[in-house]
Amino acid sequence: MSIPRMVRSSTQVAQALISGEVRDSLIGGPPRKPVDVRLIDRNTGDELPLRKRVFQDGRFAFYGQPERSFPLLAQETYELRVLASASNYSTASLDIDIGPESNQPALVSVSVAHEGVDDMQVRLFTGTGLPQRELVLELERTPVELTGRIHEAHDHSEPVADALISVTDILTESGVDGRFRLPDPLPAAQSVEVQVIADGFEPAVFDYEPDYTRLVNFLQIALVRES
């Protein structure tokens, strides 16, 4: 017995229209905090209602049907912005444009034969900039401040005043209570070099790894008296 032929209407399938990954600029891998990615219309500031998935390794994808997600795709250019954010990071953005190219339609229909049914009409998108793949957004660590206290190694209760503290060319001095605060935030880095010089004490030079989960880092530094 033969199978009766059926009629199918135009078919569109939701697909990954815009995809890429978010990286931690310091380590080149996925951020250490959960990431949120948004797709914004640059002209209106509105968020586009595409479905999205953001994975733990920093990959993301916005899904939709091109003709429905961008109904004016054949006539005009959509100016979009991808925003990525995470706790303890500055927001990253990337601008993309999608739309028709000159002398090339954005939408064309093709027939796809399928046994037992009438040919399916499938919409293909050309000259639109879709899909956008392999986008990369790099998140910078939120700058942190560094404060601290300089004291004598043999007696932590004894502050060291007028010590010169240098951190990657940022300079400051300790007060009479041994406390200090850098005038500028620390540069985003996995570690920074700290140098401390004070009269009557041996210089201290060491690497310090900032804690980016805290907006203000506090550092205790012990100086050894010169023999």
C-alpha atoms as a PDB file:
ATOM      1  CA  MET A   1       0.000   0.000   0.000  1.00  0.00           C
ATOM      2  CA  SER A   2       1.402   3.371  -0.969  1.00  0.00           C
ATOM      3  CA  ILE A   3       1.678   6.171   1.540  1.00  0.00           C
ATOM      4  CA  PRO A   4      -0.519   9.152   0.612  1.00  0.00           C
ATOM      5  CA  ARG A   5       1.346  12.335  -0.113  1.00  0.00           C
ATOM      6  CA  MET A   6       1.060  15.132   2.414  1.00  0.00           C
ATOM      7  CA  VAL A   7       1.516  18.825   1.975  1.00  0.00           C
ATOM      8  CA  ARG A   8       4.038  20.675   4.093  1.00  0.00           C
ATOM      9  CA  SER A   9       4.135  24.409   4.561  1.00  0.00           C
ATOM     10  CA  SER A  10       7.241  26.551   4.757  1.00  0.00           C
ATOM     11  CA  THR A  11       9.435  25.256   7.548  1.00  0.00           C
ATOM     12  CA  GLN A  12      11.875  27.173   9.671  1.00  0.00           C
ATOM     13  CA  VAL A  13      13.936  25.827  12.520  1.00  0.00           C
ATOM     14  CA  ALA A  14      15.345  27.787  15.436  1.00  0.00           C
ATOM     15  CA  GLN A  15      19.105  27.903  15.053  1.00  0.00           C
ATOM     16  CA  ALA A  16      22.123  29.447  16.705  1.00  0.00           C
ATOM     17  CA  LEU A  17      22.161  32.876  15.073  1.00  0.00           C
ATOM     18  CA  ILE A  18      24.845  34.568  17.189  1.00  0.00           C
ATOM     19  CA  SER A  19      27.388  32.583  19.172  1.00  0.00           C
ATOM     20  CA  GLY A  20      30.848  32.861  20.667  1.00  0.00           C
ATOM     21  CA  GLU A  21      32.670  32.760  23.969  1.00  0.00           C
ATOM     22  CA  VAL A  22      33.550  34.953  26.920  1.00  0.00           C
ATOM     23  CA  ARG A  23      37.114  34.843  28.272  1.00  0.00           C
ATOM     24  CA  ASP A  24      38.950  36.094  31.322  1.00  0.00           C
ATOM     25  CA  SER A  25      41.535  38.486  29.863  1.00  0.00           C
ATOM     26  CA  LEU A  26      44.119  37.523  32.493  1.00  0.00           C
ATOM     27  CA  ILE A  27      44.075  33.760  32.056  1.00  0.00           C
ATOM     28  CA  GLY A  28      42.653  33.439  28.539  1.00  0.00           C
ATOM     29  CA  GLY A  29      40.092  30.893  29.740  1.00  0.00           C
ATOM     30  CA  PRO A  30      36.530  31.030  31.043  1.00  0.00           C
ATOM     31  CA  PRO A  31      35.774  33.576  33.790  1.00  0.00           C
ATOM     32  CA  ARG A  32      35.808  32.309  37.356  1.00  0.00           C
ATOM     33  CA  LYS A  33      32.304  33.632  37.975  1.00  0.00           C
ATOM     34  CA  PRO A  34      28.972  32.853  36.228  1.00  0.00           C
ATOM     35  CA  VAL A  35      28.594  34.934  33.079  1.00  0.00           C
ATOM     36  CA  ASP A  36      25.523  36.783  31.784  1.00  0.00           C
ATOM     37  CA  VAL A  37      25.366  37.630  28.076  1.00  0.00           C
ATOM     38  CA  ARG A  38      22.792  40.008  26.571  1.00  0.00           C
ATOM     39  CA  LEU A  39      21.941  41.050  23.016  1.00  0.00           C
ATOM     40  CA  ILE A  40      20.955  44.732  22.709  1.00  0.00           C
ATOM     41  CA  ASP A  41      19.629  46.924  19.903  1.00  0.00           C
ATOM     42  CA  ARG A  42      22.160  49.788  19.827  1.00  0.00           C
ATOM     43  CA  ASN A  43      19.579  52.303  18.597  1.00  0.00           C
ATOM     44  CA  THR A  44      16.799  51.614  21.088  1.00  0.00           C
ATOM     45  CA  GLY A  45      18.673  50.036  23.983  1.00  0.00           C
ATOM     46  CA  ASP A  46      16.114  47.209  24.034  1.00  0.00           C
ATOM     47  CA  GLU A  47      17.148  43.610  24.623  1.00  0.00           C
ATOM     48  CA  LEU A  48      16.263  41.291  21.755  1.00  0.00           C
ATOM     49  CA  PRO A  49      13.920  38.444  22.757  1.00  0.00           C
ATOM     50  CA  LEU A  50      16.047  35.593  21.435  1.00  0.00           C
ATOM     51  CA  ARG A  51      16.493  32.429  23.436  1.00  0.00           C
ATOM     52  CA  LYS A  52      20.012  32.065  24.779  1.00  0.00           C
ATOM     53  CA  ARG A  53      22.291  29.591  26.477  1.00  0.00           C
ATOM     54  CA  VAL A  54      25.439  30.410  28.411  1.00  0.00           C
ATOM     55  CA  PHE A  55      27.680  27.497  29.352  1.00  0.00           C
ATOM     56  CA  GLN A  56      30.097  27.137  32.269  1.00  0.00           C
ATOM     57  CA  ASP A  57      33.092  27.238  29.925  1.00  0.00           C
ATOM     58  CA  GLY A  58      32.102  30.727  28.732  1.00  0.00           C
ATOM     59  CA  ARG A  59      30.491  29.698  25.439  1.00  0.00           C
ATOM     60  CA  PHE A  60      27.163  31.309  24.550  1.00  0.00           C
ATOM     61  CA  ALA A  61      24.558  31.203  21.781  1.00  0.00           C
ATOM     62  CA  PHE A  62      21.426  33.142  20.878  1.00  0.00           C
ATOM     63  CA  TYR A  63      18.794  31.026  19.144  1.00  0.00           C
ATOM     64  CA  GLY A  64      15.905  31.987  16.909  1.00  0.00           C
ATOM     65  CA  GLN A  65      14.307  31.907  13.496  1.00  0.00           C
ATOM     66  CA  PRO A  66      15.967  34.671  11.466  1.00  0.00           C
ATOM     67  CA  GLU A  67      12.827  35.869   9.688  1.00  0.00           C
ATOM     68  CA  ARG A  68      10.865  36.062  12.924  1.00  0.00           C
ATOM     69  CA  SER A  69      13.661  37.350  15.141  1.00  0.00           C
ATOM     70  CA  PHE A  70      14.617  40.036  12.591  1.00  0.00           C
ATOM     71  CA  PRO A  71      11.428  40.722  10.576  1.00  0.00           C
ATOM     72  CA  LEU A  72      12.975  43.602   8.587  1.00  0.00           C
ATOM     73  CA  LEU A  73      16.110  41.652   7.774  1.00  0.00           C
ATOM     74  CA  ALA A  74      15.623  41.960   4.005  1.00  0.00           C
ATOM     75  CA  GLN A  75      15.177  45.743   4.087  1.00  0.00           C
ATOM     76  CA  GLU A  76      17.425  47.214   6.755  1.00  0.00           C
ATOM     77  CA  THR A  77      20.492  46.660   8.901  1.00  0.00           C
ATOM     78  CA  TYR A  78      20.178  45.739  12.555  1.00  0.00           C
ATOM     79  CA  GLU A  79      22.805  47.412  14.716  1.00  0.00           C
ATOM     80  CA  LEU A  80      23.401  45.158  17.704  1.00  0.00           C
ATOM     81  CA  ARG A  81      25.606  45.007  20.771  1.00  0.00           C
ATOM     82  CA  VAL A  82      26.605  41.890  22.701  1.00  0.00           C
ATOM     83  CA  LEU A  83      27.201  42.586  26.407  1.00  0.00           C
ATOM     84  CA  ALA A  84      28.959  40.170  28.760  1.00  0.00           C
ATOM     85  CA  SER A  85      29.157  40.650  32.522  1.00  0.00           C
ATOM     86  CA  ALA A  86      30.208  38.721  35.609  1.00  0.00           C
ATOM     87  CA  SER A  87      30.822  39.476  39.254  1.00  0.00           C
ATOM     88  CA  ASN A  88      34.254  41.060  39.909  1.00  0.00           C
ATOM     89  CA  TYR A  89      34.698  41.898  36.204  1.00  0.00           C
ATOM     90  CA  SER A  90      34.099  45.013  34.124  1.00  0.00           C
ATOM     91  CA  THR A  91      31.401  44.632  31.455  1.00  0.00           C
ATOM     92  CA  ALA A  92      32.648  43.793  27.950  1.00  0.00           C
ATOM     93  CA  SER A  93      30.835  44.726  24.740  1.00  0.00           C
ATOM     94  CA  LEU A  94      31.076  43.900  21.051  1.00  0.00           C
ATOM     95  CA  ASP A  95      29.142  45.640  18.244  1.00  0.00           C
ATOM     96  CA  ILE A  96      27.872  43.687  15.249  1.00  0.00           C
ATOM     97  CA  ASP A  97      25.674  44.607  12.278  1.00  0.00           C
ATOM     98  CA  ILE A  98      23.421  42.245  10.360  1.00  0.00           C
ATOM     99  CA  GLY A  99      21.416  43.099   7.259  1.00  0.00           C
ATOM    100  CA  PRO A 100      21.173  42.799   3.482  1.00  0.00           C
ATOM    101  CA  GLU A 101      24.110  43.428   1.201  1.00  0.00           C
ATOM    102  CA  SER A 102      23.836  45.434  -1.995  1.00  0.00           C
ATOM    103  CA  ASN A 103      22.508  43.544  -5.029  1.00  0.00           C
ATOM    104  CA  GLN A 104      21.838  40.464  -2.977  1.00  0.00           C
ATOM    105  CA  PRO A 105      18.508  39.466  -1.454  1.00  0.00           C
ATOM    106  CA  ALA A 106      18.451  38.685   2.222  1.00  0.00           C
ATOM    107  CA  LEU A 107      15.815  35.990   1.803  1.00  0.00           C
ATOM    108  CA  VAL A 108      15.502  33.299  -0.841  1.00  0.00           C
ATOM    109  CA  SER A 109      13.308  30.203  -0.990  1.00  0.00           C
ATOM    110  CA  VAL A 110      14.462  26.813  -2.186  1.00  0.00           C
ATOM    111  CA  SER A 111      12.595  23.554  -2.611  1.00  0.00           C
ATOM    112  CA  VAL A 112      13.843  20.497  -0.791  1.00  0.00           C
ATOM    113  CA  ALA A 113      12.562  17.140  -2.045  1.00  0.00           C
ATOM    114  CA  HIS A 114      11.427  14.578   0.513  1.00  0.00           C
ATOM    115  CA  GLU A 115      10.023  11.142  -0.284  1.00  0.00           C
ATOM    116  CA  GLY A 116       6.306  10.827   0.379  1.00  0.00           C
ATOM    117  CA  VAL A 117       5.598  14.530   0.806  1.00  0.00           C
ATOM    118  CA  ASP A 118       5.459  17.575  -1.380  1.00  0.00           C
ATOM    119  CA  ASP A 119       8.646  19.568  -1.673  1.00  0.00           C
ATOM    120  CA  MET A 120       9.344  21.625   1.434  1.00  0.00           C
ATOM    121  CA  GLN A 121       9.946  25.335   0.999  1.00  0.00           C
ATOM    122  CA  VAL A 122      12.932  26.303   3.112  1.00  0.00           C
ATOM    123  CA  ARG A 123      13.998  29.897   3.679  1.00  0.00           C
ATOM    124  CA  LEU A 124      17.701  30.598   3.316  1.00  0.00           C
ATOM    125  CA  PHE A 125      19.350  33.804   4.433  1.00  0.00           C
ATOM    126  CA  THR A 126      22.076  35.341   2.306  1.00  0.00           C
ATOM    127  CA  GLY A 127      23.936  38.592   2.656  1.00  0.00           C
ATOM    128  CA  THR A 128      22.622  39.174   6.185  1.00  0.00           C
ATOM    129  CA  GLY A 129      25.664  38.539   8.302  1.00  0.00           C
ATOM    130  CA  LEU A 130      23.945  35.539   9.870  1.00  0.00           C
ATOM    131  CA  PRO A 131      24.952  33.391  11.509  1.00  0.00           C
ATOM    132  CA  GLN A 132      27.570  35.241  13.552  1.00  0.00           C
ATOM    133  CA  ARG A 133      29.988  32.679  14.951  1.00  0.00           C
ATOM    134  CA  GLU A 134      33.192  32.637  16.985  1.00  0.00           C
ATOM    135  CA  LEU A 135      32.622  36.020  18.612  1.00  0.00           C
ATOM    136  CA  VAL A 136      35.045  36.637  21.492  1.00  0.00           C
ATOM    137  CA  LEU A 137      34.444  38.976  24.435  1.00  0.00           C
ATOM    138  CA  GLU A 138      37.212  39.434  27.003  1.00  0.00           C
ATOM    139  CA  LEU A 139      36.320  40.436  30.547  1.00  0.00           C
ATOM    140  CA  GLU A 140      38.751  42.614  32.487  1.00  0.00           C
ATOM    141  CA  ARG A 141      39.038  42.131  36.237  1.00  0.00           C
ATOM    142  CA  THR A 142      37.452  44.926  38.251  1.00  0.00           C
ATOM    143  CA  PRO A 143      40.279  47.187  39.511  1.00  0.00           C
ATOM    144  CA  VAL A 144      41.021  46.806  43.223  1.00  0.00           C
ATOM    145  CA  GLU A 145      42.592  49.184  45.717  1.00  0.00           C
ATOM    146  CA  LEU A 146      45.547  48.281  47.896  1.00  0.00           C
ATOM    147  CA  THR A 147      45.977  49.441  51.477  1.00  0.00           C
ATOM    148  CA  GLY A 148      48.193  48.091  54.198  1.00  0.00           C
ATOM    149  CA  ARG A 149      50.465  48.610  57.148  1.00  0.00           C
ATOM    150  CA  ILE A 150      54.253  48.562  57.484  1.00  0.00           C
ATOM    151  CA  HIS A 151      55.663  47.325  60.786  1.00  0.00           C
ATOM    152  CA  GLU A 152      58.911  46.026  62.259  1.00  0.00           C
ATOM    153  CA  ALA A 153      59.515  42.314  61.824  1.00  0.00           C
ATOM    154  CA  HIS A 154      60.562  41.725  65.439  1.00  0.00           C
ATOM    155  CA  ASP A 155      57.577  43.631  66.880  1.00  0.00           C
ATOM    156  CA  HIS A 156      54.351  43.896  64.874  1.00  0.00           C
ATOM    157  CA  SER A 157      53.069  46.621  67.176  1.00  0.00           C
ATOM    158  CA  GLU A 158      55.872  48.966  66.056  1.00  0.00           C
ATOM    159  CA  PRO A 159      54.866  50.850  62.879  1.00  0.00           C
ATOM    160  CA  VAL A 160      57.374  51.992  60.284  1.00  0.00           C
ATOM    161  CA  ALA A 161      56.680  55.571  59.206  1.00  0.00           C
ATOM    162  CA  ASP A 162      57.809  57.285  55.989  1.00  0.00           C
ATOM    163  CA  ALA A 163      58.406  53.999  54.165  1.00  0.00           C
ATOM    164  CA  LEU A 164      58.280  54.319  50.381  1.00  0.00           C
ATOM    165  CA  ILE A 165      55.943  51.752  48.814  1.00  0.00           C
ATOM    166  CA  SER A 166      56.125  51.131  45.069  1.00  0.00           C
ATOM    167  CA  VAL A 167      53.727  48.865  43.187  1.00  0.00           C
ATOM    168  CA  THR A 168      54.228  48.773  39.391  1.00  0.00           C
ATOM    169  CA  ASP A 169      55.230  52.463  39.313  1.00  0.00           C
ATOM    170  CA  ILE A 170      52.452  53.522  41.725  1.00  0.00           C
ATOM    171  CA  LEU A 171      54.084  55.259  44.692  1.00  0.00           C
ATOM    172  CA  THR A 172      52.967  56.183  48.182  1.00  0.00           C
ATOM    173  CA  GLU A 173      54.410  56.522  51.705  1.00  0.00           C
ATOM    174  CA  SER A 174      53.368  55.117  55.047  1.00  0.00           C
ATOM    175  CA  GLY A 175      52.090  57.442  57.757  1.00  0.00           C
ATOM    176  CA  VAL A 176      53.158  57.706  61.365  1.00  0.00           C
ATOM    177  CA  ASP A 177      50.976  54.682  62.136  1.00  0.00           C
ATOM    178  CA  GLY A 178      52.652  52.695  59.363  1.00  0.00           C
ATOM    179  CA  ARG A 179      49.487  52.600  57.261  1.00  0.00           C
ATOM    180  CA  PHE A 180      49.373  53.365  53.550  1.00  0.00           C
ATOM    181  CA  ARG A 181      46.953  53.472  50.628  1.00  0.00           C
ATOM    182  CA  LEU A 182      47.932  53.458  46.961  1.00  0.00           C
ATOM    183  CA  PRO A 183      46.526  56.533  45.154  1.00  0.00           C
ATOM    184  CA  ASP A 184      45.525  54.470  42.089  1.00  0.00           C
ATOM    185  CA  PRO A 185      43.897  51.041  41.679  1.00  0.00           C
ATOM    186  CA  LEU A 186      46.133  48.079  40.996  1.00  0.00           C
ATOM    187  CA  PRO A 187      46.573  47.216  37.321  1.00  0.00           C
ATOM    188  CA  ALA A 188      44.769  44.052  36.236  1.00  0.00           C
ATOM    189  CA  ALA A 189      47.403  41.342  36.582  1.00  0.00           C
ATOM    190  CA  GLN A 190      47.786  37.911  38.118  1.00  0.00           C
ATOM    191  CA  SER A 191      50.581  39.311  40.294  1.00  0.00           C
ATOM    192  CA  VAL A 192      52.264  42.670  40.891  1.00  0.00           C
ATOM    193  CA  GLU A 193      55.716  43.487  42.267  1.00  0.00           C
ATOM    194  CA  VAL A 194      55.797  45.322  45.590  1.00  0.00           C
ATOM    195  CA  GLN A 195      58.896  47.187  46.757  1.00  0.00           C
ATOM    196  CA  VAL A 196      59.267  48.819  50.177  1.00  0.00           C
ATOM    197  CA  ILE A 197      62.191  51.030  51.209  1.00  0.00           C
ATOM    198  CA  ALA A 198      62.646  52.686  54.623  1.00  0.00           C
ATOM    199  CA  ASP A 199      65.625  54.255  56.383  1.00  0.00           C
ATOM    200  CA  GLY A 200      67.304  51.826  58.751  1.00  0.00           C
ATOM    201  CA  PHE A 201      65.576  48.749  57.313  1.00  0.00           C
ATOM    202  CA  GLU A 202      66.451  46.184  54.684  1.00  0.00           C
ATOM    203  CA  PRO A 203      64.461  46.670  51.434  1.00  0.00           C
ATOM    204  CA  ALA A 204      61.535  44.299  50.849  1.00  0.00           C
ATOM    205  CA  VAL A 205      60.715  43.091  47.340  1.00  0.00           C
ATOM    206  CA  PHE A 206      58.075  40.447  46.633  1.00  0.00           C
ATOM    207  CA  ASP A 207      55.237  39.483  44.278  1.00  0.00           C
ATOM    208  CA  TYR A 208      51.663  39.974  45.422  1.00  0.00           C
ATOM    209  CA  GLU A 209      48.586  38.289  43.910  1.00  0.00           C
ATOM    210  CA  PRO A 210      45.562  40.617  44.137  1.00  0.00           C
ATOM    211  CA  ASP A 211      42.302  39.189  45.439  1.00  0.00           C
ATOM    212  CA  TYR A 212      39.756  40.374  42.870  1.00  0.00           C
ATOM    213  CA  THR A 213      36.843  39.216  44.993  1.00  0.00           C
ATOM    214  CA  ARG A 214      37.575  42.158  47.313  1.00  0.00           C
ATOM    215  CA  LEU A 215      37.413  45.758  46.117  1.00  0.00           C
ATOM    216  CA  VAL A 216      39.988  46.720  48.765  1.00  0.00           C
ATOM    217  CA  ASN A 217      42.995  44.488  49.494  1.00  0.00           C
ATOM    218  CA  PHE A 218      44.881  44.864  52.781  1.00  0.00           C
ATOM    219  CA  LEU A 219      48.562  43.940  53.029  1.00  0.00           C
ATOM    220  CA  GLN A 220      50.744  43.573  56.126  1.00  0.00           C
ATOM    221  CA  ILE A 221      54.460  44.110  55.410  1.00  0.00           C
ATOM    222  CA  ALA A 222      57.197  43.341  57.940  1.00  0.00           C
ATOM    223  CA  LEU A 223      60.581  45.068  57.582  1.00  0.00           C
ATOM    224  CA  VAL A 224      63.828  43.789  59.085  1.00  0.00           C
ATOM    225  CA  ARG A 225      66.176  46.325  60.660  1.00  0.00           C
ATOM    226  CA  GLU A 226      69.619  46.667  59.096  1.00  0.00           C
ATOM    227  CA  SER A 227      72.331  44.965  61.113  1.00  0.00           C
END
